[in-house]
Amino acid sequence: MIALEKRQTLDNIVNKTNLKLGGINFGFRLESERAQKCIMDPGRLIIGLDVAHPAKSKNEENPVPSVVGVSLFIYALVYSLSS
């Protein structure tokens, strides 16, 4: 368990450093051109949420989940990739 926590910490540091240096950590590619056009429509807003439930400690019965949200303006991504 400790090794996994250290690995996650290292992954977080590497990902944040990569972003600050102008890198891209994750990307996606759609199989069909039709799906690509649908997703890249300038009038479309895509929202994704991930809920993390921390492990129960001896003092807590039900820990409060944490939610992290990320937003992306598609034209900022296009600009970043082309520059």
PDB file of N, CA and C in Angstrom:
ATOM      1  N   MET A   1       0.824  -1.195   0.000  1.00  0.00           N
ATOM      2  CA  MET A   1       0.000   0.000   0.000  1.00  0.00           C
ATOM      3  C   MET A   1       0.869   1.261   0.000  1.00  0.00           C
ATOM      4  N   ILE A   2       1.934   1.258   0.743  1.00  0.00           N
ATOM      5  CA  ILE A   2       2.802   2.434   0.803  1.00  0.00           C
ATOM      6  C   ILE A   2       3.469   2.677  -0.547  1.00  0.00           C
ATOM      7  N   ALA A   3       3.906   1.604  -1.190  1.00  0.00           N
ATOM      8  CA  ALA A   3       4.547   1.753  -2.500  1.00  0.00           C
ATOM      9  C   ALA A   3       3.584   2.360  -3.509  1.00  0.00           C
ATOM     10  N   LEU A   4       2.307   1.956  -3.463  1.00  0.00           N
ATOM     11  CA  LEU A   4       1.299   2.505  -4.365  1.00  0.00           C
ATOM     12  C   LEU A   4       1.113   3.995  -4.119  1.00  0.00           C
ATOM     13  N   GLU A   5       1.061   4.407  -2.855  1.00  0.00           N
ATOM     14  CA  GLU A   5       0.898   5.827  -2.532  1.00  0.00           C
ATOM     15  C   GLU A   5       2.091   6.638  -3.041  1.00  0.00           C
ATOM     16  N   LYS A   6       3.295   6.104  -2.903  1.00  0.00           N
ATOM     17  CA  LYS A   6       4.479   6.811  -3.402  1.00  0.00           C
ATOM     18  C   LYS A   6       4.449   6.903  -4.921  1.00  0.00           C
ATOM     19  N   ARG A   7       3.962   5.857  -5.572  1.00  0.00           N
ATOM     20  CA  ARG A   7       3.856   5.862  -7.035  1.00  0.00           C
ATOM     21  C   ARG A   7       2.867   6.935  -7.487  1.00  0.00           C
ATOM     22  N   GLN A   8       1.730   7.043  -6.801  1.00  0.00           N
ATOM     23  CA  GLN A   8       0.731   8.048  -7.160  1.00  0.00           C
ATOM     24  C   GLN A   8       1.279   9.454  -6.941  1.00  0.00           C
ATOM     25  N   THR A   9       2.028   9.649  -5.868  1.00  0.00           N
ATOM     26  CA  THR A   9       2.638  10.952  -5.609  1.00  0.00           C
ATOM     27  C   THR A   9       3.632  11.299  -6.711  1.00  0.00           C
ATOM     28  N   LEU A  10       4.447  10.342  -7.096  1.00  0.00           N
ATOM     29  CA  LEU A  10       5.411  10.564  -8.174  1.00  0.00           C
ATOM     30  C   LEU A  10       4.696  10.870  -9.487  1.00  0.00           C
ATOM     31  N   ASP A  11       3.629  10.124  -9.801  1.00  0.00           N
ATOM     32  CA  ASP A  11       2.848  10.388 -11.014  1.00  0.00           C
ATOM     33  C   ASP A  11       2.295  11.812 -11.011  1.00  0.00           C
ATOM     34  N   ASN A  12       1.769  12.261  -9.876  1.00  0.00           N
ATOM     35  CA  ASN A  12       1.222  13.619  -9.774  1.00  0.00           C
ATOM     36  C   ASN A  12       2.303  14.669 -10.013  1.00  0.00           C
ATOM     37  N   ILE A  13       3.463  14.477  -9.426  1.00  0.00           N
ATOM     38  CA  ILE A  13       4.563  15.439  -9.597  1.00  0.00           C
ATOM     39  C   ILE A  13       5.008  15.487 -11.055  1.00  0.00           C
ATOM     40  N   VAL A  14       5.175  14.321 -11.666  1.00  0.00           N
ATOM     41  CA  VAL A  14       5.613  14.263 -13.066  1.00  0.00           C
ATOM     42  C   VAL A  14       4.577  14.909 -13.981  1.00  0.00           C
ATOM     43  N   ASN A  15       3.285  14.605 -13.780  1.00  0.00           N
ATOM     44  CA  ASN A  15       2.232  15.176 -14.626  1.00  0.00           C
ATOM     45  C   ASN A  15       2.165  16.695 -14.488  1.00  0.00           C
ATOM     46  N   LYS A  16       2.250  17.210 -13.271  1.00  0.00           N
ATOM     47  CA  LYS A  16       2.189  18.660 -13.067  1.00  0.00           C
ATOM     48  C   LYS A  16       3.415  19.355 -13.665  1.00  0.00           C
ATOM     49  N   THR A  17       4.573  18.749 -13.510  1.00  0.00           N
ATOM     50  CA  THR A  17       5.792  19.320 -14.089  1.00  0.00           C
ATOM     51  C   THR A  17       5.702  19.337 -15.606  1.00  0.00           C
ATOM     52  N   ASN A  18       5.234  18.251 -16.182  1.00  0.00           N
ATOM     53  CA  ASN A  18       5.084  18.166 -17.633  1.00  0.00           C
ATOM     54  C   ASN A  18       4.160  19.267 -18.152  1.00  0.00           C
ATOM     55  N   LEU A  19       3.026  19.481 -17.492  1.00  0.00           N
ATOM     56  CA  LEU A  19       2.095  20.535 -17.916  1.00  0.00           C
ATOM     57  C   LEU A  19       2.735  21.917 -17.825  1.00  0.00           C
ATOM     58  N   LYS A  20       3.443  22.173 -16.731  1.00  0.00           N
ATOM     59  CA  LYS A  20       4.074  23.485 -16.557  1.00  0.00           C
ATOM     60  C   LYS A  20       5.151  23.750 -17.601  1.00  0.00           C
ATOM     61  N   LEU A  21       5.723  22.683 -18.148  1.00  0.00           N
ATOM     62  CA  LEU A  21       6.739  22.831 -19.190  1.00  0.00           C
ATOM     63  C   LEU A  21       6.138  22.803 -20.592  1.00  0.00           C
ATOM     64  N   GLY A  22       4.796  22.825 -20.672  1.00  0.00           N
ATOM     65  CA  GLY A  22       4.128  22.882 -21.967  1.00  0.00           C
ATOM     66  C   GLY A  22       3.769  21.539 -22.560  1.00  0.00           C
ATOM     67  N   GLY A  23       3.922  20.474 -21.800  1.00  0.00           N
ATOM     68  CA  GLY A  23       3.600  19.135 -22.302  1.00  0.00           C
ATOM     69  C   GLY A  23       2.116  18.819 -22.197  1.00  0.00           C
ATOM     70  N   ILE A  24       1.732  17.707 -22.773  1.00  0.00           N
ATOM     71  CA  ILE A  24       0.346  17.230 -22.733  1.00  0.00           C
ATOM     72  C   ILE A  24       0.358  15.853 -22.087  1.00  0.00           C
ATOM     73  N   ASN A  25      -0.392  15.699 -20.998  1.00  0.00           N
ATOM     74  CA  ASN A  25      -0.399  14.430 -20.273  1.00  0.00           C
ATOM     75  C   ASN A  25      -1.340  13.394 -20.875  1.00  0.00           C
ATOM     76  N   PHE A  26      -2.473  13.818 -21.346  1.00  0.00           N
ATOM     77  CA  PHE A  26      -3.466  12.884 -21.854  1.00  0.00           C
ATOM     78  C   PHE A  26      -4.083  13.435 -23.128  1.00  0.00           C
ATOM     79  N   GLY A  27      -4.544  12.566 -23.973  1.00  0.00           N
ATOM     80  CA  GLY A  27      -5.228  12.953 -25.196  1.00  0.00           C
ATOM     81  C   GLY A  27      -6.221  11.872 -25.570  1.00  0.00           C
ATOM     82  N   PHE A  28      -7.023  12.140 -26.564  1.00  0.00           N
ATOM     83  CA  PHE A  28      -7.952  11.117 -27.030  1.00  0.00           C
ATOM     84  C   PHE A  28      -8.092  11.217 -28.532  1.00  0.00           C
ATOM     85  N   ARG A  29      -8.435  10.122 -29.134  1.00  0.00           N
ATOM     86  CA  ARG A  29      -8.658  10.071 -30.575  1.00  0.00           C
ATOM     87  C   ARG A  29      -9.943   9.284 -30.801  1.00  0.00           C
ATOM     88  N   LEU A  30     -10.839   9.856 -31.593  1.00  0.00           N
ATOM     89  CA  LEU A  30     -12.093   9.181 -31.915  1.00  0.00           C
ATOM     90  C   LEU A  30     -11.936   8.429 -33.227  1.00  0.00           C
ATOM     91  N   GLU A  31     -12.560   7.272 -33.304  1.00  0.00           N
ATOM     92  CA  GLU A  31     -12.416   6.419 -34.483  1.00  0.00           C
ATOM     93  C   GLU A  31     -13.062   7.020 -35.734  1.00  0.00           C
ATOM     94  N   SER A  32     -14.263   7.579 -35.589  1.00  0.00           N
ATOM     95  CA  SER A  32     -14.961   8.071 -36.779  1.00  0.00           C
ATOM     96  C   SER A  32     -14.826   9.591 -36.908  1.00  0.00           C
ATOM     97  N   GLU A  33     -14.787  10.050 -38.145  1.00  0.00           N
ATOM     98  CA  GLU A  33     -14.704  11.487 -38.405  1.00  0.00           C
ATOM     99  C   GLU A  33     -15.986  12.180 -37.954  1.00  0.00           C
ATOM    100  N   ARG A  34     -17.106  11.487 -38.080  1.00  0.00           N
ATOM    101  CA  ARG A  34     -18.391  12.053 -37.656  1.00  0.00           C
ATOM    102  C   ARG A  34     -18.392  12.326 -36.147  1.00  0.00           C
ATOM    103  N   ALA A  35     -17.892  11.374 -35.377  1.00  0.00           N
ATOM    104  CA  ALA A  35     -17.816  11.565 -33.924  1.00  0.00           C
ATOM    105  C   ALA A  35     -16.861  12.703 -33.585  1.00  0.00           C
ATOM    106  N   GLN A  36     -15.761  12.796 -34.300  1.00  0.00           N
ATOM    107  CA  GLN A  36     -14.785  13.861 -34.077  1.00  0.00           C
ATOM    108  C   GLN A  36     -15.428  15.233 -34.298  1.00  0.00           C
ATOM    109  N   LYS A  37     -16.172  15.384 -35.389  1.00  0.00           N
ATOM    110  CA  LYS A  37     -16.835  16.659 -35.678  1.00  0.00           C
ATOM    111  C   LYS A  37     -17.877  16.989 -34.616  1.00  0.00           C
ATOM    112  N   CYS A  38     -18.596  15.980 -34.154  1.00  0.00           N
ATOM    113  CA  CYS A  38     -19.624  16.188 -33.134  1.00  0.00           C
ATOM    114  C   CYS A  38     -19.003  16.681 -31.826  1.00  0.00           C
ATOM    115  N   ILE A  39     -17.935  16.049 -31.409  1.00  0.00           N
ATOM    116  CA  ILE A  39     -17.277  16.410 -30.154  1.00  0.00           C
ATOM    117  C   ILE A  39     -16.610  17.780 -30.251  1.00  0.00           C
ATOM    118  N   MET A  40     -16.016  18.100 -31.388  1.00  0.00           N
ATOM    119  CA  MET A  40     -15.274  19.348 -31.547  1.00  0.00           C
ATOM    120  C   MET A  40     -16.159  20.530 -31.931  1.00  0.00           C
ATOM    121  N   ASP A  41     -17.456  20.358 -31.962  1.00  0.00           N
ATOM    122  CA  ASP A  41     -18.389  21.438 -32.274  1.00  0.00           C
ATOM    123  C   ASP A  41     -18.159  22.591 -31.293  1.00  0.00           C
ATOM    124  N   PRO A  42     -17.930  23.821 -31.795  1.00  0.00           N
ATOM    125  CA  PRO A  42     -17.643  24.955 -30.907  1.00  0.00           C
ATOM    126  C   PRO A  42     -18.756  25.254 -29.906  1.00  0.00           C
ATOM    127  N   GLY A  43     -19.984  24.857 -30.192  1.00  0.00           N
ATOM    128  CA  GLY A  43     -21.086  25.128 -29.278  1.00  0.00           C
ATOM    129  C   GLY A  43     -21.294  24.041 -28.238  1.00  0.00           C
ATOM    130  N   ARG A  44     -20.409  23.065 -28.173  1.00  0.00           N
ATOM    131  CA  ARG A  44     -20.595  21.929 -27.272  1.00  0.00           C
ATOM    132  C   ARG A  44     -19.752  22.097 -26.014  1.00  0.00           C
ATOM    133  N   LEU A  45     -20.362  21.801 -24.874  1.00  0.00           N
ATOM    134  CA  LEU A  45     -19.669  21.816 -23.588  1.00  0.00           C
ATOM    135  C   LEU A  45     -19.668  20.397 -23.046  1.00  0.00           C
ATOM    136  N   ILE A  46     -18.504  19.889 -22.737  1.00  0.00           N
ATOM    137  CA  ILE A  46     -18.381  18.543 -22.186  1.00  0.00           C
ATOM    138  C   ILE A  46     -17.865  18.668 -20.761  1.00  0.00           C
ATOM    139  N   ILE A  47     -18.565  18.044 -19.841  1.00  0.00           N
ATOM    140  CA  ILE A  47     -18.190  18.105 -18.432  1.00  0.00           C
ATOM    141  C   ILE A  47     -17.924  16.688 -17.939  1.00  0.00           C
ATOM    142  N   GLY A  48     -16.837  16.506 -17.248  1.00  0.00           N
ATOM    143  CA  GLY A  48     -16.529  15.204 -16.660  1.00  0.00           C
ATOM    144  C   GLY A  48     -16.224  15.367 -15.180  1.00  0.00           C
ATOM    145  N   LEU A  49     -16.694  14.446 -14.384  1.00  0.00           N
ATOM    146  CA  LEU A  49     -16.443  14.469 -12.944  1.00  0.00           C
ATOM    147  C   LEU A  49     -15.883  13.127 -12.510  1.00  0.00           C
ATOM    148  N   ASP A  50     -15.023  13.169 -11.534  1.00  0.00           N
ATOM    149  CA  ASP A  50     -14.485  11.955 -10.946  1.00  0.00           C
ATOM    150  C   ASP A  50     -14.620  12.093  -9.441  1.00  0.00           C
ATOM    151  N   VAL A  51     -15.192  11.101  -8.800  1.00  0.00           N
ATOM    152  CA  VAL A  51     -15.380  11.141  -7.354  1.00  0.00           C
ATOM    153  C   VAL A  51     -14.408  10.162  -6.713  1.00  0.00           C
ATOM    154  N   ALA A  52     -13.640  10.649  -5.765  1.00  0.00           N
ATOM    155  CA  ALA A  52     -12.697   9.793  -5.043  1.00  0.00           C
ATOM    156  C   ALA A  52     -13.184   9.616  -3.613  1.00  0.00           C
ATOM    157  N   HIS A  53     -13.247   8.395  -3.167  1.00  0.00           N
ATOM    158  CA  HIS A  53     -13.641   8.095  -1.793  1.00  0.00           C
ATOM    159  C   HIS A  53     -12.397   7.674  -1.019  1.00  0.00           C
ATOM    160  N   PRO A  54     -11.957   8.499  -0.076  1.00  0.00           N
ATOM    161  CA  PRO A  54     -10.770   8.124   0.693  1.00  0.00           C
ATOM    162  C   PRO A  54     -11.030   6.883   1.542  1.00  0.00           C
ATOM    163  N   ALA A  55      -9.980   6.186   1.878  1.00  0.00           N
ATOM    164  CA  ALA A  55     -10.112   4.991   2.717  1.00  0.00           C
ATOM    165  C   ALA A  55     -10.594   5.388   4.111  1.00  0.00           C
ATOM    166  N   LYS A  56     -11.370   4.508   4.729  1.00  0.00           N
ATOM    167  CA  LYS A  56     -11.857   4.778   6.083  1.00  0.00           C
ATOM    168  C   LYS A  56     -10.704   4.706   7.067  1.00  0.00           C
ATOM    169  N   SER A  57     -10.675   5.680   7.964  1.00  0.00           N
ATOM    170  CA  SER A  57      -9.687   5.633   9.037  1.00  0.00           C
ATOM    171  C   SER A  57     -10.374   5.104  10.293  1.00  0.00           C
ATOM    172  N   LYS A  58      -9.611   4.883  11.323  1.00  0.00           N
ATOM    173  CA  LYS A  58     -10.181   4.340  12.566  1.00  0.00           C
ATOM    174  C   LYS A  58     -11.135   5.330  13.225  1.00  0.00           C
ATOM    175  N   ASN A  59     -10.920   6.624  12.992  1.00  0.00           N
ATOM    176  CA  ASN A  59     -11.729   7.654  13.649  1.00  0.00           C
ATOM    177  C   ASN A  59     -12.973   8.043  12.859  1.00  0.00           C
ATOM    178  N   GLU A  60     -13.053   7.662  11.595  1.00  0.00           N
ATOM    179  CA  GLU A  60     -14.170   8.067  10.748  1.00  0.00           C
ATOM    180  C   GLU A  60     -15.034   6.873  10.374  1.00  0.00           C
ATOM    181  N   GLU A  61     -16.337   7.097  10.355  1.00  0.00           N
ATOM    182  CA  GLU A  61     -17.235   6.041   9.891  1.00  0.00           C
ATOM    183  C   GLU A  61     -17.394   6.115   8.380  1.00  0.00           C
ATOM    184  N   ASN A  62     -17.766   7.271   7.869  1.00  0.00           N
ATOM    185  CA  ASN A  62     -17.956   7.474   6.431  1.00  0.00           C
ATOM    186  C   ASN A  62     -17.220   8.738   6.000  1.00  0.00           C
ATOM    187  N   PRO A  63     -16.041   8.592   5.433  1.00  0.00           N
ATOM    188  CA  PRO A  63     -15.312   9.790   4.997  1.00  0.00           C
ATOM    189  C   PRO A  63     -16.055  10.511   3.871  1.00  0.00           C
ATOM    190  N   VAL A  64     -15.906  11.814   3.834  1.00  0.00           N
ATOM    191  CA  VAL A  64     -16.568  12.634   2.822  1.00  0.00           C
ATOM    192  C   VAL A  64     -15.817  12.489   1.496  1.00  0.00           C
ATOM    193  N   PRO A  65     -16.536  12.170   0.413  1.00  0.00           N
ATOM    194  CA  PRO A  65     -15.849  12.046  -0.880  1.00  0.00           C
ATOM    195  C   PRO A  65     -15.388  13.413  -1.376  1.00  0.00           C
ATOM    196  N   SER A  66     -14.333  13.416  -2.151  1.00  0.00           N
ATOM    197  CA  SER A  66     -13.861  14.658  -2.755  1.00  0.00           C
ATOM    198  C   SER A  66     -14.137  14.607  -4.248  1.00  0.00           C
ATOM    199  N   VAL A  67     -14.443  15.759  -4.832  1.00  0.00           N
ATOM    200  CA  VAL A  67     -14.733  15.840  -6.259  1.00  0.00           C
ATOM    201  C   VAL A  67     -13.776  16.846  -6.877  1.00  0.00           C
ATOM    202  N   VAL A  68     -13.206  16.477  -8.008  1.00  0.00           N
ATOM    203  CA  VAL A  68     -12.307  17.371  -8.728  1.00  0.00           C
ATOM    204  C   VAL A  68     -12.885  17.585 -10.115  1.00  0.00           C
ATOM    205  N   GLY A  69     -13.019  18.823 -10.539  1.00  0.00           N
ATOM    206  CA  GLY A  69     -13.536  19.124 -11.870  1.00  0.00           C
ATOM    207  C   GLY A  69     -12.461  19.795 -12.713  1.00  0.00           C
ATOM    208  N   VAL A  70     -12.475  19.506 -13.985  1.00  0.00           N
ATOM    209  CA  VAL A  70     -11.517  20.101 -14.912  1.00  0.00           C
ATOM    210  C   VAL A  70     -12.284  20.634 -16.108  1.00  0.00           C
ATOM    211  N   SER A  71     -11.984  21.847 -16.530  1.00  0.00           N
ATOM    212  CA  SER A  71     -12.619  22.387 -17.730  1.00  0.00           C
ATOM    213  C   SER A  71     -11.538  22.683 -18.764  1.00  0.00           C
ATOM    214  N   LEU A  72     -11.929  22.614 -20.025  1.00  0.00           N
ATOM    215  CA  LEU A  72     -10.974  22.836 -21.109  1.00  0.00           C
ATOM    216  C   LEU A  72     -11.665  23.601 -22.217  1.00  0.00           C
ATOM    217  N   PHE A  73     -11.079  24.696 -22.630  1.00  0.00           N
ATOM    218  CA  PHE A  73     -11.578  25.456 -23.762  1.00  0.00           C
ATOM    219  C   PHE A  73     -10.869  24.916 -24.990  1.00  0.00           C
ATOM    220  N   ILE A  74     -11.601  24.324 -25.903  1.00  0.00           N
ATOM    221  CA  ILE A  74     -11.017  23.566 -27.011  1.00  0.00           C
ATOM    222  C   ILE A  74     -10.076  24.408 -27.865  1.00  0.00           C
ATOM    223  N   TYR A  75     -10.350  25.684 -28.038  1.00  0.00           N
ATOM    224  CA  TYR A  75      -9.479  26.509 -28.870  1.00  0.00           C
ATOM    225  C   TYR A  75      -8.137  26.762 -28.194  1.00  0.00           C
ATOM    226  N   ALA A  76      -8.104  26.758 -26.868  1.00  0.00           N
ATOM    227  CA  ALA A  76      -6.824  26.875 -26.163  1.00  0.00           C
ATOM    228  C   ALA A  76      -5.973  25.648 -26.453  1.00  0.00           C
ATOM    229  N   LEU A  77      -6.598  24.487 -26.532  1.00  0.00           N
ATOM    230  CA  LEU A  77      -5.876  23.254 -26.848  1.00  0.00           C
ATOM    231  C   LEU A  77      -5.337  23.299 -28.271  1.00  0.00           C
ATOM    232  N   VAL A  78      -6.161  23.743 -29.212  1.00  0.00           N
ATOM    233  CA  VAL A  78      -5.721  23.835 -30.602  1.00  0.00           C
ATOM    234  C   VAL A  78      -4.560  24.811 -30.715  1.00  0.00           C
ATOM    235  N   TYR A  79      -4.658  25.942 -30.044  1.00  0.00           N
ATOM    236  CA  TYR A  79      -3.581  26.934 -30.077  1.00  0.00           C
ATOM    237  C   TYR A  79      -2.296  26.351 -29.492  1.00  0.00           C
ATOM    238  N   SER A  80      -2.439  25.657 -28.362  1.00  0.00           N
ATOM    239  CA  SER A  80      -1.280  25.074 -27.703  1.00  0.00           C
ATOM    240  C   SER A  80      -0.599  24.034 -28.587  1.00  0.00           C
ATOM    241  N   LEU A  81      -1.386  23.231 -29.290  1.00  0.00           N
ATOM    242  CA  LEU A  81      -0.819  22.189 -30.136  1.00  0.00           C
ATOM    243  C   LEU A  81      -0.147  22.760 -31.382  1.00  0.00           C
ATOM    244  N   SER A  82      -0.633  23.910 -31.863  1.00  0.00           N
ATOM    245  CA  SER A  82      -0.097  24.452 -33.111  1.00  0.00           C
ATOM    246  C   SER A  82       1.082  25.396 -32.897  1.00  0.00           C
ATOM    247  N   SER A  83       1.299  25.834 -31.684  1.00  0.00           N
ATOM    248  CA  SER A  83       2.391  26.793 -31.456  1.00  0.00           C
ATOM    249  C   SER A  83       3.694  26.113 -31.118  1.00  0.00           C
TER     250      SER A  83
END
